Amino acid sequence: RVTALVMGTSDLTKDLHARHTRDRVPLLMSLELCVLA
């Protein structure tokens, strides 16, 4: 029944203690892991 994974980038950025950047480099690994899965 699981048909989609949806990134929650705002909460994830906070939990990672990362910074919001225009290029989103701090989130690239997470974004790619989502697509891979």
All heavy atoms as atom14 arrays in JSON, in Angstrom:
{
  "sequence": "RVTALVMGTSDLTKDLHARHTRDRVPLLMSLELCVLA",
  "atom14_mask": [
    [1, 1, 1, 1, 1, 1, 1, 1, 1, 1, 1, 0, 0, 0],
    [1, 1, 1, 1, 1, 1, 1, 0, 0, 0, 0, 0, 0, 0],
    [1, 1, 1, 1, 1, 1, 1, 0, 0, 0, 0, 0, 0, 0],
    [1, 1, 1, 1, 1, 0, 0, 0, 0, 0, 0, 0, 0, 0],
    [1, 1, 1, 1, 1, 1, 1, 1, 0, 0, 0, 0, 0, 0],
    [1, 1, 1, 1, 1, 1, 1, 0, 0, 0, 0, 0, 0, 0],
    [1, 1, 1, 1, 1, 1, 1, 1, 0, 0, 0, 0, 0, 0],
    [1, 1, 1, 1, 0, 0, 0, 0, 0, 0, 0, 0, 0, 0],
    [1, 1, 1, 1, 1, 1, 1, 0, 0, 0, 0, 0, 0, 0],
    [1, 1, 1, 1, 1, 1, 0, 0, 0, 0, 0, 0, 0, 0],
    [1, 1, 1, 1, 1, 1, 1, 1, 0, 0, 0, 0, 0, 0],
    [1, 1, 1, 1, 1, 1, 1, 1, 0, 0, 0, 0, 0, 0],
    [1, 1, 1, 1, 1, 1, 1, 0, 0, 0, 0, 0, 0, 0],
    [1, 1, 1, 1, 1, 1, 1, 1, 1, 0, 0, 0, 0, 0],
    [1, 1, 1, 1, 1, 1, 1, 1, 0, 0, 0, 0, 0, 0],
    [1, 1, 1, 1, 1, 1, 1, 1, 0, 0, 0, 0, 0, 0],
    [1, 1, 1, 1, 1, 1, 1, 1, 1, 1, 0, 0, 0, 0],
    [1, 1, 1, 1, 1, 0, 0, 0, 0, 0, 0, 0, 0, 0],
    [1, 1, 1, 1, 1, 1, 1, 1, 1, 1, 1, 0, 0, 0],
    [1, 1, 1, 1, 1, 1, 1, 1, 1, 1, 0, 0, 0, 0],
    [1, 1, 1, 1, 1, 1, 1, 0, 0, 0, 0, 0, 0, 0],
    [1, 1, 1, 1, 1, 1, 1, 1, 1, 1, 1, 0, 0, 0],
    [1, 1, 1, 1, 1, 1, 1, 1, 0, 0, 0, 0, 0, 0],
    [1, 1, 1, 1, 1, 1, 1, 1, 1, 1, 1, 0, 0, 0],
    [1, 1, 1, 1, 1, 1, 1, 0, 0, 0, 0, 0, 0, 0],
    [1, 1, 1, 1, 1, 1, 1, 0, 0, 0, 0, 0, 0, 0],
    [1, 1, 1, 1, 1, 1, 1, 1, 0, 0, 0, 0, 0, 0],
    [1, 1, 1, 1, 1, 1, 1, 1, 0, 0, 0, 0, 0, 0],
    [1, 1, 1, 1, 1, 1, 1, 1, 0, 0, 0, 0, 0, 0],
    [1, 1, 1, 1, 1, 1, 0, 0, 0, 0, 0, 0, 0, 0],
    [1, 1, 1, 1, 1, 1, 1, 1, 0, 0, 0, 0, 0, 0],
    [1, 1, 1, 1, 1, 1, 1, 1, 1, 0, 0, 0, 0, 0],
    [1, 1, 1, 1, 1, 1, 1, 1, 0, 0, 0, 0, 0, 0],
    [1, 1, 1, 1, 1, 1, 0, 0, 0, 0, 0, 0, 0, 0],
    [1, 1, 1, 1, 1, 1, 1, 0, 0, 0, 0, 0, 0, 0],
    [1, 1, 1, 1, 1, 1, 1, 1, 0, 0, 0, 0, 0, 0],
    [1, 1, 1, 1, 1, 0, 0, 0, 0, 0, 0, 0, 0, 0]
  ],
  "atom14_positions": [
    [[0.82, -1.22, 0.0], [0.0, 0.0, 0.0], [0.85, 1.27, 0.0], [0.34, 2.35, -0.28], [-0.91, 0.02, 1.22], [-2.12, -0.92, 1.13], [-2.98, -0.71, 2.35], [-4.11, -1.6, 2.41], [-5.38, -1.23, 2.24], [-5.66, 0.04, 1.97], [-6.37, -2.09, 2.35], [0.0, 0.0, 0.0], [0.0, 0.0, 0.0], [0.0, 0.0, 0.0]],
    [[2.11, 1.18, 0.36], [2.99, 2.35, 0.34], [3.33, 2.66, -1.12], [3.98, 1.85, -1.79], [4.27, 2.11, 1.15], [5.2, 3.33, 1.03], [3.95, 1.85, 2.61], [0.0, 0.0, 0.0], [0.0, 0.0, 0.0], [0.0, 0.0, 0.0], [0.0, 0.0, 0.0], [0.0, 0.0, 0.0], [0.0, 0.0, 0.0], [0.0, 0.0, 0.0]],
    [[2.89, 3.81, -1.59], [3.09, 4.15, -3.0], [3.89, 5.42, -3.23], [4.14, 5.78, -4.38], [1.73, 4.29, -3.72], [0.96, 5.3, -3.07], [0.98, 2.97, -3.71], [0.0, 0.0, 0.0], [0.0, 0.0, 0.0], [0.0, 0.0, 0.0], [0.0, 0.0, 0.0], [0.0, 0.0, 0.0], [0.0, 0.0, 0.0], [0.0, 0.0, 0.0]],
    [[4.3, 6.09, -2.15], [5.09, 7.31, -2.32], [5.86, 7.63, -1.05], [5.38, 7.4, 0.07], [4.2, 8.5, -2.69], [0.0, 0.0, 0.0], [0.0, 0.0, 0.0], [0.0, 0.0, 0.0], [0.0, 0.0, 0.0], [0.0, 0.0, 0.0], [0.0, 0.0, 0.0], [0.0, 0.0, 0.0], [0.0, 0.0, 0.0], [0.0, 0.0, 0.0]],
    [[7.07, 8.14, -1.24], [7.87, 8.72, -0.17], [7.9, 10.23, -0.39], [8.11, 10.7, -1.51], [9.3, 8.17, -0.17], [9.47, 6.68, 0.06], [10.96, 6.31, 0.03], [8.83, 6.23, 1.37], [0.0, 0.0, 0.0], [0.0, 0.0, 0.0], [0.0, 0.0, 0.0], [0.0, 0.0, 0.0], [0.0, 0.0, 0.0], [0.0, 0.0, 0.0]],
    [[7.69, 10.98, 0.69], [7.62, 12.44, 0.6], [8.66, 13.04, 1.54], [8.65, 12.76, 2.74], [6.22, 12.94, 0.99], [6.14, 14.46, 0.85], [5.14, 12.26, 0.16], [0.0, 0.0, 0.0], [0.0, 0.0, 0.0], [0.0, 0.0, 0.0], [0.0, 0.0, 0.0], [0.0, 0.0, 0.0], [0.0, 0.0, 0.0], [0.0, 0.0, 0.0]],
    [[9.54, 13.85, 0.99], [10.56, 14.49, 1.82], [9.96, 15.61, 2.68], [9.19, 16.43, 2.2], [11.66, 15.09, 0.95], [12.6, 14.07, 0.33], [13.58, 13.15, 1.56], [14.44, 14.45, 2.4], [0.0, 0.0, 0.0], [0.0, 0.0, 0.0], [0.0, 0.0, 0.0], [0.0, 0.0, 0.0], [0.0, 0.0, 0.0], [0.0, 0.0, 0.0]],
    [[10.33, 15.6, 3.97], [9.99, 16.71, 4.85], [11.26, 17.48, 5.14], [11.89, 17.31, 6.19], [0.0, 0.0, 0.0], [0.0, 0.0, 0.0], [0.0, 0.0, 0.0], [0.0, 0.0, 0.0], [0.0, 0.0, 0.0], [0.0, 0.0, 0.0], [0.0, 0.0, 0.0], [0.0, 0.0, 0.0], [0.0, 0.0, 0.0], [0.0, 0.0, 0.0]],
    [[11.65, 18.33, 4.21], [12.97, 18.95, 4.26], [13.12, 19.97, 5.38], [14.23, 20.17, 5.89], [13.29, 19.62, 2.91], [12.16, 20.39, 2.48], [13.58, 18.56, 1.85], [0.0, 0.0, 0.0], [0.0, 0.0, 0.0], [0.0, 0.0, 0.0], [0.0, 0.0, 0.0], [0.0, 0.0, 0.0], [0.0, 0.0, 0.0], [0.0, 0.0, 0.0]],
    [[12.03, 20.62, 5.77], [12.14, 21.64, 6.82], [12.49, 21.01, 8.17], [13.44, 21.42, 8.84], [10.84, 22.43, 6.92], [10.56, 23.09, 5.71], [0.0, 0.0, 0.0], [0.0, 0.0, 0.0], [0.0, 0.0, 0.0], [0.0, 0.0, 0.0], [0.0, 0.0, 0.0], [0.0, 0.0, 0.0], [0.0, 0.0, 0.0], [0.0, 0.0, 0.0]],
    [[11.7, 20.02, 8.58], [11.98, 19.34, 9.85], [13.32, 18.62, 9.81], [14.05, 18.6, 10.8], [10.87, 18.35, 10.17], [9.61, 19.03, 10.69], [9.75, 20.03, 11.41], [8.51, 18.57, 10.39], [0.0, 0.0, 0.0], [0.0, 0.0, 0.0], [0.0, 0.0, 0.0], [0.0, 0.0, 0.0], [0.0, 0.0, 0.0], [0.0, 0.0, 0.0]],
    [[13.64, 18.03, 8.66], [14.9, 17.31, 8.55], [16.09, 18.24, 8.72], [17.06, 17.92, 9.42], [14.98, 16.59, 7.2], [16.25, 15.78, 6.96], [16.41, 14.67, 7.98], [16.23, 15.2, 5.54], [0.0, 0.0, 0.0], [0.0, 0.0, 0.0], [0.0, 0.0, 0.0], [0.0, 0.0, 0.0], [0.0, 0.0, 0.0], [0.0, 0.0, 0.0]],
    [[16.02, 19.4, 8.09], [17.1, 20.38, 8.22], [17.31, 20.76, 9.69], [18.44, 20.84, 10.17], [16.8, 21.63, 7.38], [16.69, 21.26, 6.01], [17.92, 22.66, 7.52], [0.0, 0.0, 0.0], [0.0, 0.0, 0.0], [0.0, 0.0, 0.0], [0.0, 0.0, 0.0], [0.0, 0.0, 0.0], [0.0, 0.0, 0.0], [0.0, 0.0, 0.0]],
    [[16.21, 20.97, 10.39], [16.3, 21.3, 11.82], [16.95, 20.17, 12.61], [17.86, 20.4, 13.41], [14.9, 21.59, 12.37], [14.86, 21.8, 13.89], [13.44, 21.98, 14.38], [12.63, 20.71, 14.29], [13.07, 19.67, 15.25], [0.0, 0.0, 0.0], [0.0, 0.0, 0.0], [0.0, 0.0, 0.0], [0.0, 0.0, 0.0], [0.0, 0.0, 0.0]],
    [[16.5, 18.94, 12.38], [17.03, 17.81, 13.14], [18.49, 17.52, 12.83], [19.23, 17.0, 13.67], [16.2, 16.55, 12.86], [14.86, 16.57, 13.59], [14.59, 17.56, 14.3], [14.08, 15.61, 13.43], [0.0, 0.0, 0.0], [0.0, 0.0, 0.0], [0.0, 0.0, 0.0], [0.0, 0.0, 0.0], [0.0, 0.0, 0.0], [0.0, 0.0, 0.0]],
    [[18.9, 17.85, 11.61], [20.3, 17.65, 11.23], [21.22, 18.75, 11.77], [22.43, 18.64, 11.68], [20.43, 17.62, 9.7], [19.83, 16.41, 8.98], [19.9, 16.61, 7.47], [20.55, 15.13, 9.37], [0.0, 0.0, 0.0], [0.0, 0.0, 0.0], [0.0, 0.0, 0.0], [0.0, 0.0, 0.0], [0.0, 0.0, 0.0], [0.0, 0.0, 0.0]],
    [[20.62, 19.8, 12.33], [21.37, 21.0, 12.72], [22.09, 21.59, 11.51], [23.18, 22.15, 11.63], [22.38, 20.68, 13.84], [21.78, 20.11, 15.07], [22.53, 19.56, 16.08], [20.48, 19.98, 15.47], [21.73, 19.11, 17.04], [20.48, 19.36, 16.68], [0.0, 0.0, 0.0], [0.0, 0.0, 0.0], [0.0, 0.0, 0.0], [0.0, 0.0, 0.0]],
    [[21.45, 21.43, 10.35], [22.03, 21.92, 9.1], [21.55, 23.34, 8.83], [20.68, 23.88, 9.52], [21.64, 21.0, 7.96], [0.0, 0.0, 0.0], [0.0, 0.0, 0.0], [0.0, 0.0, 0.0], [0.0, 0.0, 0.0], [0.0, 0.0, 0.0], [0.0, 0.0, 0.0], [0.0, 0.0, 0.0], [0.0, 0.0, 0.0], [0.0, 0.0, 0.0]],
    [[22.11, 23.95, 7.81], [21.74, 25.29, 7.41], [20.91, 25.25, 6.14], [21.11, 24.39, 5.28], [22.99, 26.15, 7.19], [23.78, 26.4, 8.46], [25.05, 27.18, 8.19], [25.78, 27.46, 9.43], [27.0, 27.97, 9.48], [27.63, 28.27, 8.36], [27.59, 28.19, 10.64], [0.0, 0.0, 0.0], [0.0, 0.0, 0.0], [0.0, 0.0, 0.0]],
    [[19.97, 26.2, 6.03], [19.19, 26.33, 4.81], [20.05, 27.07, 3.78], [20.39, 28.24, 3.96], [17.91, 27.13, 5.08], [16.91, 26.39, 5.9], [16.03, 25.48, 5.36], [16.65, 26.42, 7.23], [15.26, 24.97, 6.32], [15.61, 25.53, 7.47], [0.0, 0.0, 0.0], [0.0, 0.0, 0.0], [0.0, 0.0, 0.0], [0.0, 0.0, 0.0]],
    [[20.42, 26.4, 2.72], [21.23, 27.01, 1.67], [20.51, 26.89, 0.33], [19.7, 25.99, 0.12], [22.6, 26.32, 1.56], [22.42, 24.95, 1.16], [23.34, 26.36, 2.89], [0.0, 0.0, 0.0], [0.0, 0.0, 0.0], [0.0, 0.0, 0.0], [0.0, 0.0, 0.0], [0.0, 0.0, 0.0], [0.0, 0.0, 0.0], [0.0, 0.0, 0.0]],
    [[20.8, 27.82, -0.57], [20.14, 27.83, -1.87], [20.42, 26.54, -2.65], [19.53, 26.0, -3.32], [20.61, 29.05, -2.68], [20.16, 29.11, -4.13], [18.65, 29.3, -4.27], [18.23, 30.64, -3.89], [18.15, 31.66, -4.73], [18.47, 31.52, -6.0], [17.72, 32.84, -4.31], [0.0, 0.0, 0.0], [0.0, 0.0, 0.0], [0.0, 0.0, 0.0]],
    [[21.64, 26.01, -2.54], [21.98, 24.8, -3.3], [21.56, 23.5, -2.63], [21.67, 22.43, -3.19], [23.49, 24.76, -3.6], [24.35, 24.81, -2.36], [23.84, 24.57, -1.24], [25.56, 25.1, -2.49], [0.0, 0.0, 0.0], [0.0, 0.0, 0.0], [0.0, 0.0, 0.0], [0.0, 0.0, 0.0], [0.0, 0.0, 0.0], [0.0, 0.0, 0.0]],
    [[21.12, 23.59, -1.37], [20.63, 22.44, -0.6], [21.68, 21.32, -0.45], [21.33, 20.16, -0.26], [19.35, 21.88, -1.2], [18.2, 22.88, -1.27], [16.87, 22.21, -1.32], [16.7, 21.4, -2.51], [15.62, 20.64, -2.75], [14.65, 20.59, -1.85], [15.5, 19.95, -3.85], [0.0, 0.0, 0.0], [0.0, 0.0, 0.0], [0.0, 0.0, 0.0]],
    [[22.93, 21.7, -0.51], [24.0, 20.7, -0.34], [23.86, 19.93, 0.97], [24.07, 18.71, 1.0], [25.38, 21.38, -0.44], [26.49, 20.45, 0.07], [25.67, 21.76, -1.89], [0.0, 0.0, 0.0], [0.0, 0.0, 0.0], [0.0, 0.0, 0.0], [0.0, 0.0, 0.0], [0.0, 0.0, 0.0], [0.0, 0.0, 0.0], [0.0, 0.0, 0.0]],
    [[23.47, 20.56, 2.1], [23.35, 19.79, 3.34], [22.3, 18.67, 3.26], [22.33, 17.74, 4.08], [22.92, 20.85, 4.37], [23.44, 22.14, 3.83], [23.26, 22.01, 2.35], [0.0, 0.0, 0.0], [0.0, 0.0, 0.0], [0.0, 0.0, 0.0], [0.0, 0.0, 0.0], [0.0, 0.0, 0.0], [0.0, 0.0, 0.0], [0.0, 0.0, 0.0]],
    [[21.39, 18.74, 2.3], [20.32, 17.74, 2.2], [20.52, 16.74, 1.07], [19.71, 15.81, 0.92], [18.98, 18.44, 1.98], [18.44, 19.29, 3.13], [17.13, 19.95, 2.72], [18.23, 18.44, 4.38], [0.0, 0.0, 0.0], [0.0, 0.0, 0.0], [0.0, 0.0, 0.0], [0.0, 0.0, 0.0], [0.0, 0.0, 0.0], [0.0, 0.0, 0.0]],
    [[21.57, 16.9, 0.28], [21.7, 16.08, -0.93], [21.71, 14.59, -0.63], [21.05, 13.8, -1.32], [22.96, 16.47, -1.71], [22.84, 17.74, -2.56], [24.14, 18.02, -3.28], [21.69, 17.59, -3.56], [0.0, 0.0, 0.0], [0.0, 0.0, 0.0], [0.0, 0.0, 0.0], [0.0, 0.0, 0.0], [0.0, 0.0, 0.0], [0.0, 0.0, 0.0]],
    [[22.45, 14.17, 0.38], [22.49, 12.73, 0.68], [21.11, 12.22, 1.05], [20.68, 11.15, 0.6], [23.48, 12.43, 1.8], [23.52, 10.95, 2.17], [24.75, 10.57, 3.43], [26.26, 10.77, 2.49], [0.0, 0.0, 0.0], [0.0, 0.0, 0.0], [0.0, 0.0, 0.0], [0.0, 0.0, 0.0], [0.0, 0.0, 0.0], [0.0, 0.0, 0.0]],
    [[20.38, 12.98, 1.86], [19.05, 12.57, 2.26], [18.1, 12.51, 1.07], [17.31, 11.57, 0.92], [18.49, 13.54, 3.31], [19.29, 13.54, 4.47], [0.0, 0.0, 0.0], [0.0, 0.0, 0.0], [0.0, 0.0, 0.0], [0.0, 0.0, 0.0], [0.0, 0.0, 0.0], [0.0, 0.0, 0.0], [0.0, 0.0, 0.0], [0.0, 0.0, 0.0]],
    [[18.17, 13.5, 0.21], [17.33, 13.52, -0.98], [17.62, 12.31, -1.87], [16.69, 11.65, -2.37], [17.55, 14.81, -1.77], [17.11, 16.12, -1.09], [17.64, 17.33, -1.86], [15.58, 16.19, -1.0], [0.0, 0.0, 0.0], [0.0, 0.0, 0.0], [0.0, 0.0, 0.0], [0.0, 0.0, 0.0], [0.0, 0.0, 0.0], [0.0, 0.0, 0.0]],
    [[18.88, 12.01, -2.05], [19.26, 10.89, -2.9], [18.86, 9.55, -2.29], [18.45, 8.63, -3.0], [20.76, 10.94, -3.18], [21.14, 12.11, -4.09], [22.63, 12.37, -4.15], [23.37, 11.87, -3.28], [23.07, 13.06, -5.09], [0.0, 0.0, 0.0], [0.0, 0.0, 0.0], [0.0, 0.0, 0.0], [0.0, 0.0, 0.0], [0.0, 0.0, 0.0]],
    [[18.96, 9.44, -0.96], [18.54, 8.2, -0.3], [17.03, 7.99, -0.48], [16.58, 6.85, -0.65], [18.9, 8.23, 1.18], [20.37, 7.97, 1.52], [20.64, 8.23, 2.99], [20.75, 6.53, 1.17], [0.0, 0.0, 0.0], [0.0, 0.0, 0.0], [0.0, 0.0, 0.0], [0.0, 0.0, 0.0], [0.0, 0.0, 0.0], [0.0, 0.0, 0.0]],
    [[16.27, 9.05, -0.44], [14.83, 8.96, -0.66], [14.53, 8.44, -2.06], [13.72, 7.52, -2.24], [14.18, 10.32, -0.44], [12.4, 10.38, -0.8], [0.0, 0.0, 0.0], [0.0, 0.0, 0.0], [0.0, 0.0, 0.0], [0.0, 0.0, 0.0], [0.0, 0.0, 0.0], [0.0, 0.0, 0.0], [0.0, 0.0, 0.0], [0.0, 0.0, 0.0]],
    [[15.18, 9.02, -3.06], [14.97, 8.58, -4.44], [15.41, 7.14, -4.63], [14.72, 6.33, -5.26], [15.7, 9.51, -5.43], [15.6, 8.97, -6.85], [15.11, 10.91, -5.38], [0.0, 0.0, 0.0], [0.0, 0.0, 0.0], [0.0, 0.0, 0.0], [0.0, 0.0, 0.0], [0.0, 0.0, 0.0], [0.0, 0.0, 0.0], [0.0, 0.0, 0.0]],
    [[16.57, 6.78, -4.07], [17.05, 5.4, -4.19], [16.05, 4.41, -3.61], [15.73, 3.38, -4.22], [18.4, 5.26, -3.47], [19.64, 5.74, -4.22], [20.83, 5.82, -3.27], [19.94, 4.8, -5.38], [0.0, 0.0, 0.0], [0.0, 0.0, 0.0], [0.0, 0.0, 0.0], [0.0, 0.0, 0.0], [0.0, 0.0, 0.0], [0.0, 0.0, 0.0]],
    [[15.54, 4.71, -2.42], [14.59, 3.81, -1.77], [13.3, 3.71, -2.59], [12.75, 2.62, -2.75], [14.28, 4.3, -0.36], [0.0, 0.0, 0.0], [0.0, 0.0, 0.0], [0.0, 0.0, 0.0], [0.0, 0.0, 0.0], [0.0, 0.0, 0.0], [0.0, 0.0, 0.0], [0.0, 0.0, 0.0], [0.0, 0.0, 0.0], [0.0, 0.0, 0.0]]
  ]
}
